Protein backbone atom coordinates (compact mmCIF):
# COMPACT_ATOMS: atom_id res chain seq x y z
CA UNK A 1 1.81 -4.08 -0.95
CA UNK A 2 3.23 -3.00 -4.30
CA UNK A 3 4.02 0.70 -4.84
CA UNK A 4 5.06 2.13 -8.20
CA UNK A 5 5.21 5.67 -9.57
CA UNK A 6 7.12 7.79 -12.03
CA UNK A 7 9.54 10.58 -11.20
CA UNK A 8 7.22 13.57 -11.52
CA UNK A 9 4.35 11.83 -9.69
CA UNK A 10 2.04 12.21 -12.69
CA UNK A 11 1.37 8.48 -12.64
CA UNK A 12 0.89 6.51 -9.44
CA UNK A 13 -0.10 2.96 -10.27
CA UNK A 14 -3.08 1.61 -8.30
CA UNK A 15 -1.92 -0.39 -5.30
CA UNK A 16 -1.67 -4.16 -5.25
CA UNK A 17 -2.58 -5.43 -1.78
CA UNK A 18 -1.46 -8.93 -0.76
CA UNK A 19 -3.03 -10.76 2.20
CA UNK A 20 -3.31 -14.38 3.29
CA UNK A 21 -7.03 -15.02 2.80
CA UNK A 22 -8.34 -15.84 -0.66
CA UNK A 23 -11.95 -14.87 0.09
CA UNK A 24 -12.14 -12.71 3.24
CA UNK A 25 -15.61 -12.50 4.72
CA UNK A 26 -15.38 -8.72 4.73
CA UNK A 27 -15.40 -8.78 0.90
CA UNK A 28 -18.90 -10.25 0.76
CA UNK A 29 -21.39 -7.72 -0.69
CA UNK A 30 -18.42 -5.60 -1.85
CA UNK A 31 -17.66 -4.80 -5.49
CA UNK A 32 -13.92 -5.48 -5.60
CA UNK A 33 -13.64 -3.33 -8.72
CA UNK A 34 -14.53 -0.31 -6.58
CA UNK A 35 -11.72 -0.77 -4.05
CA UNK A 36 -9.24 1.38 -5.98
CA UNK A 37 -6.66 -1.42 -5.69
CA UNK A 38 -5.98 -4.99 -6.81
CA UNK A 39 -6.20 -7.76 -4.21
CA UNK A 40 -4.19 -10.98 -4.30
CA UNK A 41 -3.55 -13.61 -1.64
CA UNK A 42 -1.12 -16.29 -0.53
CA UNK A 43 -0.53 -18.11 2.74
CA UNK A 44 2.33 -15.83 3.83
CA UNK A 45 0.82 -12.54 2.56
CA UNK A 46 4.08 -11.83 0.72
CA UNK A 47 4.98 -10.88 -2.81
CA UNK A 48 5.64 -14.04 -4.81
CA UNK A 49 7.01 -14.61 -8.29
CA UNK A 50 3.66 -15.66 -9.70
CA UNK A 51 2.03 -12.46 -8.39
CA UNK A 52 4.95 -10.36 -9.61
CA UNK A 53 4.60 -11.77 -13.13
CA UNK A 54 0.91 -10.87 -13.12
CA UNK A 55 1.76 -7.39 -11.84
CA UNK A 56 4.47 -6.95 -14.48
CA UNK A 57 2.05 -7.85 -17.25
CA UNK A 58 -0.53 -5.43 -15.83
CA UNK A 59 2.14 -2.71 -15.64
CA UNK A 60 3.01 -3.16 -19.31
CA UNK A 61 -0.65 -2.82 -20.24
CA UNK A 62 -0.98 0.24 -17.99
CA UNK A 63 1.75 2.10 -19.90
CA UNK A 64 0.43 1.13 -23.33
CA UNK A 65 1.36 3.59 -26.11
CA UNK A 66 4.39 4.70 -24.09
CA UNK A 67 7.97 3.51 -23.75
CA UNK A 68 9.09 3.37 -20.15
CA UNK A 69 12.00 2.18 -18.03
CA UNK A 70 10.91 0.16 -15.00
CA UNK A 71 13.53 0.19 -12.21
CA UNK A 72 13.32 -2.78 -9.85
CA UNK A 73 15.39 -3.88 -6.88
CA UNK A 74 16.79 -7.40 -6.49
CA UNK A 75 13.92 -8.72 -4.39
CA UNK A 76 13.75 -12.51 -4.71
CA UNK A 77 10.23 -12.31 -6.13
CA UNK A 78 11.40 -10.18 -9.07
CA UNK A 79 11.93 -12.72 -11.82
CA UNK A 80 15.11 -12.01 -13.87
CA UNK A 81 14.52 -10.99 -17.48
CA UNK A 82 16.16 -14.12 -18.84
CA UNK A 83 13.75 -16.25 -16.80
CA UNK A 84 10.51 -14.53 -17.80
CA UNK A 85 8.04 -17.09 -19.18
CA UNK A 86 7.04 -16.88 -22.83
CA UNK A 87 3.55 -15.67 -21.90
CA UNK A 88 5.01 -12.40 -20.55
CA UNK A 89 5.63 -10.24 -23.61
CA UNK A 90 6.68 -6.74 -22.59
CA UNK A 91 5.79 -4.41 -25.45
CA UNK A 92 6.10 -1.06 -23.71
CA UNK A 93 8.49 -1.70 -20.85
CA UNK A 94 12.23 -2.03 -20.49
CA UNK A 95 13.22 -3.45 -17.10
CA UNK A 96 16.35 -2.44 -15.20
CA UNK A 97 17.31 -4.54 -12.18
CA UNK A 98 19.48 -2.75 -9.63
CA UNK A 99 22.71 -4.43 -8.49
CA UNK A 100 22.82 -6.12 -5.11
CA UNK A 101 23.16 -3.83 -2.07
CA UNK A 102 22.37 -0.73 -4.15
CA UNK A 103 18.65 -0.44 -3.49
CA UNK A 104 18.95 1.89 -0.50
CA UNK A 105 21.34 4.13 -2.45
CA UNK A 106 19.56 4.65 -5.77
CA UNK A 107 15.97 3.38 -5.38
CA UNK A 108 13.61 6.31 -4.54
CA UNK A 109 10.78 4.08 -3.33
CA UNK A 110 12.94 2.10 -0.94
CA UNK A 111 13.35 4.74 1.71
CA UNK A 112 11.71 8.06 0.96
CA UNK A 113 8.46 7.18 -0.79
CA UNK A 114 7.69 4.01 1.16
CA UNK A 115 8.61 5.73 4.42
CA UNK A 116 6.10 8.51 3.70
CA UNK A 117 3.50 5.93 2.75
CA UNK A 118 4.01 4.12 6.08
CA UNK A 119 3.87 7.39 8.00
CA UNK A 120 0.57 8.45 6.48
CA UNK A 121 -0.90 4.97 6.87
CA UNK A 122 -0.03 4.95 10.57
CA UNK A 123 -1.42 8.46 10.86
CA UNK A 124 -4.78 7.35 9.44
CA UNK A 125 -4.73 4.11 11.43
CA UNK A 126 -4.03 5.92 14.71
CA UNK A 127 -6.83 8.38 13.99
CA UNK A 128 -9.19 5.46 13.39
CA UNK A 129 -7.91 3.75 16.55
CA UNK A 130 -8.52 6.86 18.67
CA UNK A 131 -12.07 7.10 17.32
CA UNK A 132 -12.73 3.41 17.99
CA UNK A 133 -11.39 3.74 21.53
CA UNK A 134 -13.64 6.73 22.07
CA UNK A 135 -16.58 4.63 20.85
CA UNK A 136 -15.57 1.81 23.25
CA UNK A 137 -15.18 -0.73 20.44
CA UNK A 138 -13.79 -4.06 21.63
CA UNK A 139 -10.30 -4.87 20.27
CA UNK A 140 -10.18 -1.44 18.71
CA UNK A 141 -6.70 -2.01 17.28
CA UNK A 142 -7.79 -4.95 15.11
CA UNK A 143 -8.95 -4.11 11.59
CA UNK A 144 -9.75 -6.39 8.67
CA UNK A 145 -8.25 -6.26 5.18
CA UNK A 146 -11.16 -4.21 3.80
CA UNK A 147 -10.66 -1.55 6.46
CA UNK A 148 -6.91 -1.58 5.75
CA UNK A 149 -7.51 -1.10 2.01
CA UNK A 150 -9.83 1.81 2.76
CA UNK A 151 -6.92 3.38 4.63
CA UNK A 152 -4.09 2.73 2.19
CA UNK A 153 -5.86 3.77 -1.02
CA UNK A 154 -6.31 7.45 -0.03
CA UNK A 155 -2.82 7.44 1.51
CA UNK A 156 -1.31 6.56 -1.86
CA UNK A 157 -3.72 8.65 -3.91
CA UNK A 158 -3.61 11.90 -1.91
CA UNK A 159 -1.41 11.85 1.19
CA UNK A 160 1.95 11.00 -0.39
CA UNK A 161 2.72 14.37 -1.93
CA UNK A 162 3.99 15.18 -5.41
CA UNK A 163 6.85 17.24 -3.97
CA UNK A 164 7.96 14.33 -1.79
CA UNK A 165 8.15 11.92 -4.72
CA UNK A 166 10.03 14.46 -6.82
CA UNK A 167 12.48 15.10 -3.95
CA UNK A 168 13.15 11.37 -3.64
CA UNK A 169 13.98 11.06 -7.33
CA UNK A 170 16.20 14.14 -7.20
CA UNK A 171 17.93 12.94 -4.03
CA UNK A 172 18.90 9.68 -5.74
CA UNK A 173 19.97 11.63 -8.84
CA UNK A 174 17.64 9.76 -11.17
CA UNK A 175 16.19 12.99 -12.59
CA UNK A 176 19.40 14.93 -13.20
CA UNK A 177 18.01 17.54 -15.62
CA UNK A 178 15.43 18.88 -13.21
CA UNK A 179 16.23 21.30 -10.42
CA UNK A 180 19.68 22.23 -11.74
CA UNK A 181 21.21 24.98 -9.66
CA UNK A 182 19.16 23.98 -6.61
CA UNK A 183 20.52 22.24 -3.55
CA UNK A 184 19.96 18.51 -3.63
CA UNK A 185 17.23 17.35 -1.20
CA UNK A 186 18.60 16.08 2.10
CA UNK A 187 17.40 13.01 4.01
CA UNK A 188 15.17 15.32 6.06
CA UNK A 189 13.50 16.54 2.86
CA UNK A 190 12.44 13.01 1.97
CA UNK A 191 9.71 12.77 4.58
CA UNK A 192 6.85 15.13 5.34
CA UNK A 193 7.59 16.75 8.71
CA UNK A 194 3.92 17.54 9.37
CA UNK A 195 2.89 13.88 9.43
CA UNK A 196 5.81 13.03 11.76
CA UNK A 197 4.70 15.73 14.20
CA UNK A 198 1.12 14.50 14.07
CA UNK A 199 2.21 10.89 14.59
CA UNK A 200 4.17 11.85 17.67
CA UNK A 201 1.10 13.69 18.99
CA UNK A 202 -1.11 10.65 18.35
CA UNK A 203 1.34 8.30 20.08
CA UNK A 204 1.26 10.56 23.14
CA UNK A 205 -2.53 10.45 23.18
CA UNK A 206 -2.55 6.65 22.83
CA UNK A 207 -0.37 6.35 25.96
CA UNK A 208 1.86 3.49 24.80
CA UNK A 209 4.06 2.12 27.60
CA UNK A 210 7.29 1.88 25.58
CA UNK A 211 6.73 3.77 22.33
CA UNK A 212 9.32 3.23 19.59
CA UNK A 213 10.92 6.30 18.06
CA UNK A 214 8.68 7.15 15.11
CA UNK A 215 11.51 7.45 12.59
CA UNK A 216 12.89 4.07 13.63
CA UNK A 217 9.40 2.60 13.39
CA UNK A 218 9.08 3.75 9.78
CA UNK A 219 12.27 1.90 8.80
CA UNK A 220 11.74 -1.17 10.99
CA UNK A 221 14.03 -3.95 9.71
CA UNK A 222 11.58 -6.83 10.25
CA UNK A 223 9.30 -5.29 7.63
CA UNK A 224 11.93 -5.76 4.93
CA UNK A 225 11.06 -9.46 4.48
CA UNK A 226 8.15 -9.24 2.08
CA UNK A 227 8.90 -11.71 -0.71
CA UNK A 228 8.81 -15.46 -1.02
CA UNK A 229 9.76 -18.03 -3.66
CA UNK A 230 7.57 -21.12 -3.82
CA UNK A 231 9.31 -24.47 -3.63
CA UNK A 232 8.42 -27.02 -6.31
CA UNK A 233 6.36 -29.12 -3.86
CA UNK A 234 4.32 -26.05 -2.88
CA UNK A 235 3.65 -25.20 -6.53
CA UNK A 236 2.41 -28.75 -7.19
CA UNK A 237 0.26 -28.79 -4.03
CA UNK A 238 -1.26 -25.45 -5.00
CA UNK A 239 -2.57 -26.90 -8.27
CA UNK A 240 -3.92 -30.17 -6.87
CA UNK A 241 -7.57 -30.51 -5.79
CA UNK A 242 -7.82 -30.01 -2.04
CA UNK A 243 -10.18 -32.26 -0.06
CA UNK A 244 -12.40 -30.58 2.49
CA UNK A 245 -10.84 -30.08 5.89
CA UNK A 246 -7.33 -29.59 4.56
CA UNK A 247 -5.18 -26.57 5.26
CA UNK A 248 -6.28 -24.87 2.03
CA UNK A 249 -9.87 -24.77 3.33
CA UNK A 250 -8.81 -23.88 6.85
CA UNK A 251 -7.09 -20.70 5.66
CA UNK A 252 -10.40 -19.05 4.84
CA UNK A 253 -12.04 -20.47 7.96
CA UNK A 254 -9.50 -18.63 10.11
CA UNK A 255 -10.60 -15.31 8.64
CA UNK A 256 -12.62 -13.74 11.45
CA UNK A 257 -13.55 -10.52 9.66
CA UNK A 258 -17.19 -9.47 9.48
CA UNK A 259 -19.37 -9.39 6.39
CA UNK A 260 -20.32 -5.94 5.16
CA UNK A 261 -24.07 -5.44 5.45
CA UNK A 262 -25.65 -4.42 2.13
CA UNK A 263 -26.82 -0.80 1.96
CA UNK A 264 -30.04 -0.09 0.07
CA UNK A 265 -30.26 2.80 -2.37
CA UNK A 266 -32.85 4.58 -0.21
CA UNK A 267 -30.62 4.28 2.84
CA UNK A 268 -27.62 5.67 0.92
CA UNK A 269 -29.72 8.60 -0.35
CA UNK A 270 -30.82 9.45 3.19
CA UNK A 271 -27.21 9.29 4.39
CA UNK A 272 -26.10 11.69 1.66
CA UNK A 273 -28.81 14.16 2.61
CA UNK A 274 -27.74 13.95 6.25
CA UNK A 275 -24.10 14.55 5.27
CA UNK A 276 -25.07 17.58 3.19
CA UNK A 277 -26.97 19.00 6.15
CA UNK A 278 -24.06 18.22 8.47
CA UNK A 279 -21.65 20.03 6.17
CA UNK A 280 -23.86 23.14 6.02
CA UNK A 281 -23.92 23.26 9.83
CA UNK A 282 -20.13 23.30 10.29
CA UNK A 283 -18.01 26.35 10.97
CA UNK A 284 -14.55 27.02 9.56
CA UNK A 285 -12.82 25.52 12.60
CA UNK A 286 -14.11 22.06 11.68
CA UNK A 287 -13.28 22.29 7.97
CA UNK A 288 -9.82 20.76 8.30
CA UNK A 289 -11.09 17.86 10.41
CA UNK A 290 -13.93 17.10 7.99
CA UNK A 291 -11.59 17.15 4.99
CA UNK A 292 -9.70 14.21 6.51
């Protein structure tokens, strides 16, 4: 997952989602251009230099007609400026790479913004899980990449609040001219307390045997390993024709997600009419639930 936004939250870049399957079954009959995100794949489902270079080029096009400073940490997938290939011509972007061991001190996304993103994702996932358990769905906790994307896109678009992003930038003193005379945001101000309370309530309802503290869960160390540099042999193998039955073919065969059944226009129209009727029948007590 690649998150990127500016300091006042006026521009959140669409998410890039990275998974291991090149052509998941759940994408059949789905217009990928309607997902609200960009999907890429590799065997480890990590950010890789080749994907980063594509993302960087897309970022530069996204900010066309502007001049921006892109702040990046020293993740191994982030190709140094002096090593950028000739095909990557940044016309609108100046890149600043943070020094080693400084990311957690001056990178707003690293703790505050990503932590809120994780919290709201888990909130939506737990709500889906509770519904699936109520509906007696087998292996209710297992979702495919399409279902995951349908969770993360609204999290990034609406759940992660403008005030939270602005607090994170102010806390790391990147936006020094804004909020002068006000107390600097504390660590507690960098995460939405409401979603933490709701997560704790959901965990209680899910009856986990040994639940992890929610704040520790949101900064779980094992999740820090998200990048990978291809070795030369892997690069060569990736560009060679693969005979049937090799590992390259097996990767897609292991995808056990379900195809999405096509929905006819008439069926969609009937569903919309039913939803309109449903909405008209609700009282104010249900308004908050329906809005989610």
